[in-house]
PDB file of N, CA and C in Angstrom:
ATOM      1  N   UNK A   1     -13.581   0.823  -4.641  1.00  0.00           N
ATOM      2  CA  UNK A   1     -12.552   0.197  -3.852  1.00  0.00           C
ATOM      3  C   UNK A   1     -12.126   1.175  -2.757  1.00  0.00           C
ATOM      4  N   UNK A   2     -12.055   0.685  -1.544  1.00  0.00           N
ATOM      5  CA  UNK A   2     -11.651   1.500  -0.413  1.00  0.00           C
ATOM      6  C   UNK A   2     -10.251   1.062   0.012  1.00  0.00           C
ATOM      7  N   UNK A   3      -9.380   2.041   0.263  1.00  0.00           N
ATOM      8  CA  UNK A   3      -7.998   1.742   0.614  1.00  0.00           C
ATOM      9  C   UNK A   3      -7.705   2.290   2.007  1.00  0.00           C
ATOM     10  N   UNK A   4      -7.186   1.417   2.867  1.00  0.00           N
ATOM     11  CA  UNK A   4      -6.788   1.794   4.216  1.00  0.00           C
ATOM     12  C   UNK A   4      -5.268   1.737   4.299  1.00  0.00           C
ATOM     13  N   UNK A   5      -4.672   2.693   4.998  1.00  0.00           N
ATOM     14  CA  UNK A   5      -3.217   2.745   5.128  1.00  0.00           C
ATOM     15  C   UNK A   5      -2.790   2.478   6.560  1.00  0.00           C
ATOM     16  N   UNK A   6      -1.699   1.739   6.702  1.00  0.00           N
ATOM     17  CA  UNK A   6      -1.053   1.529   7.992  1.00  0.00           C
ATOM     18  C   UNK A   6      -0.660   2.901   8.540  1.00  0.00           C
ATOM     19  N   UNK A   7      -0.796   3.132   9.841  1.00  0.00           N
ATOM     20  CA  UNK A   7      -0.437   4.449  10.405  1.00  0.00           C
ATOM     21  C   UNK A   7       1.037   4.816  10.227  1.00  0.00           C
ATOM     22  N   UNK A   8       1.894   3.842   9.949  1.00  0.00           N
ATOM     23  CA  UNK A   8       3.321   4.111   9.753  1.00  0.00           C
ATOM     24  C   UNK A   8       3.643   4.705   8.382  1.00  0.00           C
ATOM     25  N   UNK A   9       2.678   4.703   7.468  1.00  0.00           N
ATOM     26  CA  UNK A   9       2.905   5.230   6.118  1.00  0.00           C
ATOM     27  C   UNK A   9       2.668   6.737   6.143  1.00  0.00           C
ATOM     28  N   UNK A  10       3.698   7.518   5.790  1.00  0.00           N
ATOM     29  CA  UNK A  10       3.553   8.982   5.816  1.00  0.00           C
ATOM     30  C   UNK A  10       2.421   9.472   4.909  1.00  0.00           C
ATOM     31  N   UNK A  11       1.665  10.443   5.405  1.00  0.00           N
ATOM     32  CA  UNK A  11       0.513  10.975   4.665  1.00  0.00           C
ATOM     33  C   UNK A  11       0.921  11.570   3.321  1.00  0.00           C
ATOM     34  N   UNK A  12       2.132  12.128   3.223  1.00  0.00           N
ATOM     35  CA  UNK A  12       2.550  12.783   1.986  1.00  0.00           C
ATOM     36  C   UNK A  12       2.780  11.819   0.825  1.00  0.00           C
ATOM     37  N   UNK A  13       2.897  10.518   1.088  1.00  0.00           N
ATOM     38  CA  UNK A  13       3.063   9.571  -0.029  1.00  0.00           C
ATOM     39  C   UNK A  13       1.819   8.710  -0.265  1.00  0.00           C
ATOM     40  N   UNK A  14       0.785   8.884   0.547  1.00  0.00           N
ATOM     41  CA  UNK A  14      -0.412   8.047   0.412  1.00  0.00           C
ATOM     42  C   UNK A  14      -1.145   8.241  -0.908  1.00  0.00           C
ATOM     43  N   UNK A  15      -1.212   9.461  -1.424  1.00  0.00           N
ATOM     44  CA  UNK A  15      -1.898   9.687  -2.712  1.00  0.00           C
ATOM     45  C   UNK A  15      -1.191   8.959  -3.851  1.00  0.00           C
ATOM     46  N   UNK A  16       0.134   9.002  -3.842  1.00  0.00           N
ATOM     47  CA  UNK A  16       0.913   8.316  -4.883  1.00  0.00           C
ATOM     48  C   UNK A  16       0.714   6.800  -4.795  1.00  0.00           C
ATOM     49  N   UNK A  17       0.728   6.270  -3.583  1.00  0.00           N
ATOM     50  CA  UNK A  17       0.507   4.829  -3.389  1.00  0.00           C
ATOM     51  C   UNK A  17      -0.908   4.453  -3.836  1.00  0.00           C
ATOM     52  N   UNK A  18      -1.881   5.292  -3.522  1.00  0.00           N
ATOM     53  CA  UNK A  18      -3.275   5.024  -3.907  1.00  0.00           C
ATOM     54  C   UNK A  18      -3.410   4.889  -5.418  1.00  0.00           C
ATOM     55  N   UNK A  19      -2.740   5.760  -6.172  1.00  0.00           N
ATOM     56  CA  UNK A  19      -2.787   5.691  -7.639  1.00  0.00           C
ATOM     57  C   UNK A  19      -2.212   4.369  -8.141  1.00  0.00           C
ATOM     58  N   UNK A  20      -1.100   3.941  -7.557  1.00  0.00           N
ATOM     59  CA  UNK A  20      -0.473   2.676  -7.970  1.00  0.00           C
ATOM     60  C   UNK A  20      -1.391   1.503  -7.664  1.00  0.00           C
ATOM     61  N   UNK A  21      -1.989   1.503  -6.469  1.00  0.00           N
ATOM     62  CA  UNK A  21      -2.891   0.416  -6.081  1.00  0.00           C
ATOM     63  C   UNK A  21      -4.085   0.358  -7.036  1.00  0.00           C
ATOM     64  N   UNK A  22      -4.673   1.508  -7.354  1.00  0.00           N
ATOM     65  CA  UNK A  22      -5.831   1.533  -8.250  1.00  0.00           C
ATOM     66  C   UNK A  22      -5.480   1.044  -9.652  1.00  0.00           C
ATOM     67  N   UNK A  23      -4.239   1.262 -10.099  1.00  0.00           N
ATOM     68  CA  UNK A  23      -3.802   0.767 -11.405  1.00  0.00           C
ATOM     69  C   UNK A  23      -3.575  -0.743 -11.385  1.00  0.00           C
ATOM     70  N   UNK A  24      -3.059  -1.275 -10.282  1.00  0.00           N
ATOM     71  CA  UNK A  24      -2.655  -2.675 -10.214  1.00  0.00           C
ATOM     72  C   UNK A  24      -3.769  -3.636  -9.801  1.00  0.00           C
ATOM     73  N   UNK A  25      -4.661  -3.197  -8.917  1.00  0.00           N
ATOM     74  CA  UNK A  25      -5.723  -4.074  -8.423  1.00  0.00           C
ATOM     75  C   UNK A  25      -6.971  -3.827  -9.267  1.00  0.00           C
ATOM     76  N   UNK A  26      -7.364  -4.845 -10.030  1.00  0.00           N
ATOM     77  CA  UNK A  26      -8.424  -4.682 -11.020  1.00  0.00           C
ATOM     78  C   UNK A  26      -9.788  -5.190 -10.573  1.00  0.00           C
ATOM     79  N   UNK A  27     -10.011  -5.291  -9.274  1.00  0.00           N
ATOM     80  CA  UNK A  27     -11.315  -5.742  -8.819  1.00  0.00           C
ATOM     81  C   UNK A  27     -11.234  -6.276  -7.406  1.00  0.00           C
ATOM     82  N   UNK A  28     -12.325  -6.858  -6.939  1.00  0.00           N
ATOM     83  CA  UNK A  28     -12.341  -7.377  -5.575  1.00  0.00           C
ATOM     84  C   UNK A  28     -11.393  -8.563  -5.398  1.00  0.00           C
ATOM     85  N   UNK A  29     -11.146  -8.898  -4.160  1.00  0.00           N
ATOM     86  CA  UNK A  29     -10.263 -10.016  -3.824  1.00  0.00           C
ATOM     87  C   UNK A  29     -10.783 -11.301  -4.463  1.00  0.00           C
ATOM     88  N   UNK A  30      -9.921 -12.040  -5.160  1.00  0.00           N
ATOM     89  CA  UNK A  30     -10.370 -13.285  -5.794  1.00  0.00           C
ATOM     90  C   UNK A  30     -10.703 -14.376  -4.774  1.00  0.00           C
ATOM     91  N   UNK A  31     -10.187 -14.265  -3.565  1.00  0.00           N
ATOM     92  CA  UNK A  31     -10.447 -15.294  -2.551  1.00  0.00           C
ATOM     93  C   UNK A  31     -11.764 -15.098  -1.816  1.00  0.00           C
ATOM     94  N   UNK A  32     -12.050 -13.830  -1.415  1.00  0.00           N
ATOM     95  CA  UNK A  32     -13.240 -13.620  -0.583  1.00  0.00           C
ATOM     96  C   UNK A  32     -14.226 -12.600  -1.160  1.00  0.00           C
ATOM     97  N   UNK A  33     -13.844 -11.861  -2.210  1.00  0.00           N
ATOM     98  CA  UNK A  33     -14.751 -10.910  -2.843  1.00  0.00           C
ATOM     99  C   UNK A  33     -14.784  -9.533  -2.203  1.00  0.00           C
ATOM    100  N   UNK A  34     -13.971  -9.309  -1.174  1.00  0.00           N
ATOM    101  CA  UNK A  34     -13.934  -8.008  -0.503  1.00  0.00           C
ATOM    102  C   UNK A  34     -13.314  -6.959  -1.436  1.00  0.00           C
ATOM    103  N   UNK A  35     -13.846  -5.730  -1.393  1.00  0.00           N
ATOM    104  CA  UNK A  35     -13.279  -4.674  -2.232  1.00  0.00           C
ATOM    105  C   UNK A  35     -12.570  -3.620  -1.381  1.00  0.00           C
ATOM    106  N   UNK A  36     -12.093  -4.026  -0.208  1.00  0.00           N
ATOM    107  CA  UNK A  36     -11.322  -3.132   0.658  1.00  0.00           C
ATOM    108  C   UNK A  36      -9.879  -3.607   0.707  1.00  0.00           C
ATOM    109  N   UNK A  37      -8.965  -2.655   0.564  1.00  0.00           N
ATOM    110  CA  UNK A  37      -7.533  -2.938   0.483  1.00  0.00           C
ATOM    111  C   UNK A  37      -6.840  -2.352   1.708  1.00  0.00           C
ATOM    112  N   UNK A  38      -5.842  -3.078   2.224  1.00  0.00           N
ATOM    113  CA  UNK A  38      -5.035  -2.565   3.333  1.00  0.00           C
ATOM    114  C   UNK A  38      -3.584  -2.515   2.871  1.00  0.00           C
ATOM    115  N   UNK A  39      -2.945  -1.368   3.063  1.00  0.00           N
ATOM    116  CA  UNK A  39      -1.546  -1.198   2.680  1.00  0.00           C
ATOM    117  C   UNK A  39      -0.736  -1.077   3.965  1.00  0.00           C
ATOM    118  N   UNK A  40       0.178  -2.035   4.163  1.00  0.00           N
ATOM    119  CA  UNK A  40       1.010  -2.009   5.360  1.00  0.00           C
ATOM    120  C   UNK A  40       2.467  -1.803   4.960  1.00  0.00           C
ATOM    121  N   UNK A  41       3.253  -1.350   5.926  1.00  0.00           N
ATOM    122  CA  UNK A  41       4.664  -1.060   5.703  1.00  0.00           C
ATOM    123  C   UNK A  41       5.502  -2.015   6.540  1.00  0.00           C
ATOM    124  N   UNK A  42       6.393  -2.750   5.851  1.00  0.00           N
ATOM    125  CA  UNK A  42       7.321  -3.661   6.524  1.00  0.00           C
ATOM    126  C   UNK A  42       8.729  -3.291   6.073  1.00  0.00           C
ATOM    127  N   UNK A  43       9.448  -2.559   6.899  1.00  0.00           N
ATOM    128  CA  UNK A  43      10.763  -2.070   6.499  1.00  0.00           C
ATOM    129  C   UNK A  43      10.599  -1.061   5.381  1.00  0.00           C
ATOM    130  N   UNK A  44      11.186  -1.353   4.214  1.00  0.00           N
ATOM    131  CA  UNK A  44      11.041  -0.492   3.034  1.00  0.00           C
ATOM    132  C   UNK A  44      10.072  -1.084   2.012  1.00  0.00           C
ATOM    133  N   UNK A  45       9.261  -2.051   2.439  1.00  0.00           N
ATOM    134  CA  UNK A  45       8.355  -2.733   1.515  1.00  0.00           C
ATOM    135  C   UNK A  45       6.904  -2.483   1.906  1.00  0.00           C
ATOM    136  N   UNK A  46       6.113  -2.095   0.915  1.00  0.00           N
ATOM    137  CA  UNK A  46       4.669  -1.950   1.107  1.00  0.00           C
ATOM    138  C   UNK A  46       4.004  -3.267   0.714  1.00  0.00           C
ATOM    139  N   UNK A  47       3.126  -3.773   1.556  1.00  0.00           N
ATOM    140  CA  UNK A  47       2.368  -4.984   1.259  1.00  0.00           C
ATOM    141  C   UNK A  47       0.923  -4.564   1.030  1.00  0.00           C
ATOM    142  N   UNK A  48       0.417  -4.819  -0.165  1.00  0.00           N
ATOM    143  CA  UNK A  48      -0.947  -4.461  -0.534  1.00  0.00           C
ATOM    144  C   UNK A  48      -1.766  -5.736  -0.476  1.00  0.00           C
ATOM    145  N   UNK A  49      -2.740  -5.767   0.461  1.00  0.00           N
ATOM    146  CA  UNK A  49      -3.483  -7.000   0.680  1.00  0.00           C
ATOM    147  C   UNK A  49      -4.961  -6.737   0.932  1.00  0.00           C
ATOM    148  N   UNK A  50      -5.722  -7.821   0.904  1.00  0.00           N
ATOM    149  CA  UNK A  50      -7.151  -7.756   1.178  1.00  0.00           C
ATOM    150  C   UNK A  50      -7.359  -7.399   2.643  1.00  0.00           C
ATOM    151  N   UNK A  51      -8.264  -6.457   2.891  1.00  0.00           N
ATOM    152  CA  UNK A  51      -8.542  -6.017   4.261  1.00  0.00           C
ATOM    153  C   UNK A  51      -9.205  -7.128   5.079  1.00  0.00           C
ATOM    154  N   UNK A  52     -10.045  -7.956   4.442  1.00  0.00           N
ATOM    155  CA  UNK A  52     -10.768  -8.999   5.172  1.00  0.00           C
ATOM    156  C   UNK A  52      -9.963 -10.275   5.383  1.00  0.00           C
ATOM    157  N   UNK A  53      -9.464 -10.875   4.307  1.00  0.00           N
ATOM    158  CA  UNK A  53      -8.819 -12.190   4.444  1.00  0.00           C
ATOM    159  C   UNK A  53      -7.296 -12.116   4.487  1.00  0.00           C
ATOM    160  N   UNK A  54      -6.715 -10.961   4.126  1.00  0.00           N
ATOM    161  CA  UNK A  54      -5.260 -10.803   4.214  1.00  0.00           C
ATOM    162  C   UNK A  54      -4.478 -11.327   3.018  1.00  0.00           C
ATOM    163  N   UNK A  55      -5.168 -11.777   1.969  1.00  0.00           N
ATOM    164  CA  UNK A  55      -4.442 -12.254   0.784  1.00  0.00           C
ATOM    165  C   UNK A  55      -3.693 -11.090   0.144  1.00  0.00           C
ATOM    166  N   UNK A  56      -2.420 -11.318  -0.144  1.00  0.00           N
ATOM    167  CA  UNK A  56      -1.577 -10.265  -0.706  1.00  0.00           C
ATOM    168  C   UNK A  56      -1.818 -10.134  -2.203  1.00  0.00           C
ATOM    169  N   UNK A  57      -2.039  -8.889  -2.657  1.00  0.00           N
ATOM    170  CA  UNK A  57      -2.163  -8.611  -4.084  1.00  0.00           C
ATOM    171  C   UNK A  57      -0.781  -8.431  -4.697  1.00  0.00           C
ATOM    172  N   UNK A  58       0.052  -7.597  -4.059  1.00  0.00           N
ATOM    173  CA  UNK A  58       1.423  -7.391  -4.510  1.00  0.00           C
ATOM    174  C   UNK A  58       2.210  -6.669  -3.429  1.00  0.00           C
ATOM    175  N   UNK A  59       3.547  -6.679  -3.583  1.00  0.00           N
ATOM    176  CA  UNK A  59       4.422  -5.930  -2.700  1.00  0.00           C
ATOM    177  C   UNK A  59       5.177  -4.911  -3.540  1.00  0.00           C
ATOM    178  N   UNK A  60       5.517  -3.801  -2.907  1.00  0.00           N
ATOM    179  CA  UNK A  60       6.191  -2.714  -3.604  1.00  0.00           C
ATOM    180  C   UNK A  60       7.311  -2.204  -2.711  1.00  0.00           C
ATOM    181  N   UNK A  61       8.534  -2.201  -3.235  1.00  0.00           N
ATOM    182  CA  UNK A  61       9.664  -1.719  -2.447  1.00  0.00           C
ATOM    183  C   UNK A  61       9.809  -0.218  -2.635  1.00  0.00           C
ATOM    184  N   UNK A  62       9.960   0.489  -1.528  1.00  0.00           N
ATOM    185  CA  UNK A  62      10.137   1.932  -1.561  1.00  0.00           C
ATOM    186  C   UNK A  62      11.598   2.285  -1.722  1.00  0.00           C
ATOM    187  N   UNK A  63      11.857   3.308  -2.510  1.00  0.00           N
ATOM    188  CA  UNK A  63      13.215   3.842  -2.618  1.00  0.00           C
ATOM    189  C   UNK A  63      13.365   4.937  -1.571  1.00  0.00           C
ATOM    190  N   UNK A  64      14.435   4.870  -0.824  1.00  0.00           N
ATOM    191  CA  UNK A  64      14.680   5.863   0.205  1.00  0.00           C
ATOM    192  C   UNK A  64      15.758   6.794  -0.294  1.00  0.00           C
ATOM    193  N   UNK A  65      15.398   8.088  -0.383  1.00  0.00           N
ATOM    194  CA  UNK A  65      16.357   9.078  -0.838  1.00  0.00           C
ATOM    195  C   UNK A  65      17.176   9.580   0.340  1.00  0.00           C
ATOM    196  N   UNK A  66      18.473   9.670   0.145  1.00  0.00           N
ATOM    197  CA  UNK A  66      19.331  10.236   1.184  1.00  0.00           C
ATOM    198  C   UNK A  66      19.135  11.748   1.196  1.00  0.00           C
ATOM    199  N   UNK A  67      18.828  12.260   2.353  1.00  0.00           N
ATOM    200  CA  UNK A  67      18.640  13.701   2.487  1.00  0.00           C
ATOM    201  C   UNK A  67      19.747  14.232   3.380  1.00  0.00           C
ATOM    202  N   UNK A  68      20.584  15.073   2.806  1.00  0.00           N
ATOM    203  CA  UNK A  68      21.665  15.652   3.599  1.00  0.00           C
ATOM    204  C   UNK A  68      21.113  16.855   4.363  1.00  0.00           C
ATOM    205  N   UNK A  69      21.489  16.915   5.621  1.00  0.00           N
ATOM    206  CA  UNK A  69      21.028  18.014   6.455  1.00  0.00           C
ATOM    207  C   UNK A  69      22.123  19.058   6.542  1.00  0.00           C
ATOM    208  N   UNK A  70      21.723  20.308   6.472  1.00  0.00           N
ATOM    209  CA  UNK A  70      22.686  21.398   6.624  1.00  0.00           C
ATOM    210  C   UNK A  70      22.459  22.054   7.962  1.00  0.00           C
ATOM    211  N   UNK A  71      23.554  22.367   8.625  1.00  0.00           N
ATOM    212  CA  UNK A  71      23.444  22.947   9.964  1.00  0.00           C
ATOM    213  C   UNK A  71      23.521  24.463   9.900  1.00  0.00           C
TER     214      UNK A  71
END
């Protein structure tokens, strides 16, 4: 299975997302048989879908941690 990430997804969280996708998606797309996955970011939600036909496998909401900045 090949996983492509939207350019808006930070590189530092891509490995963690890849592990989740590999656990949740158990084979090729049931609609078209493609084994390529595209992960896009919409607000705080990741949409995991088929790269070819766009059928969504699942969505995952990201938790955003508040980071206080010190001056």
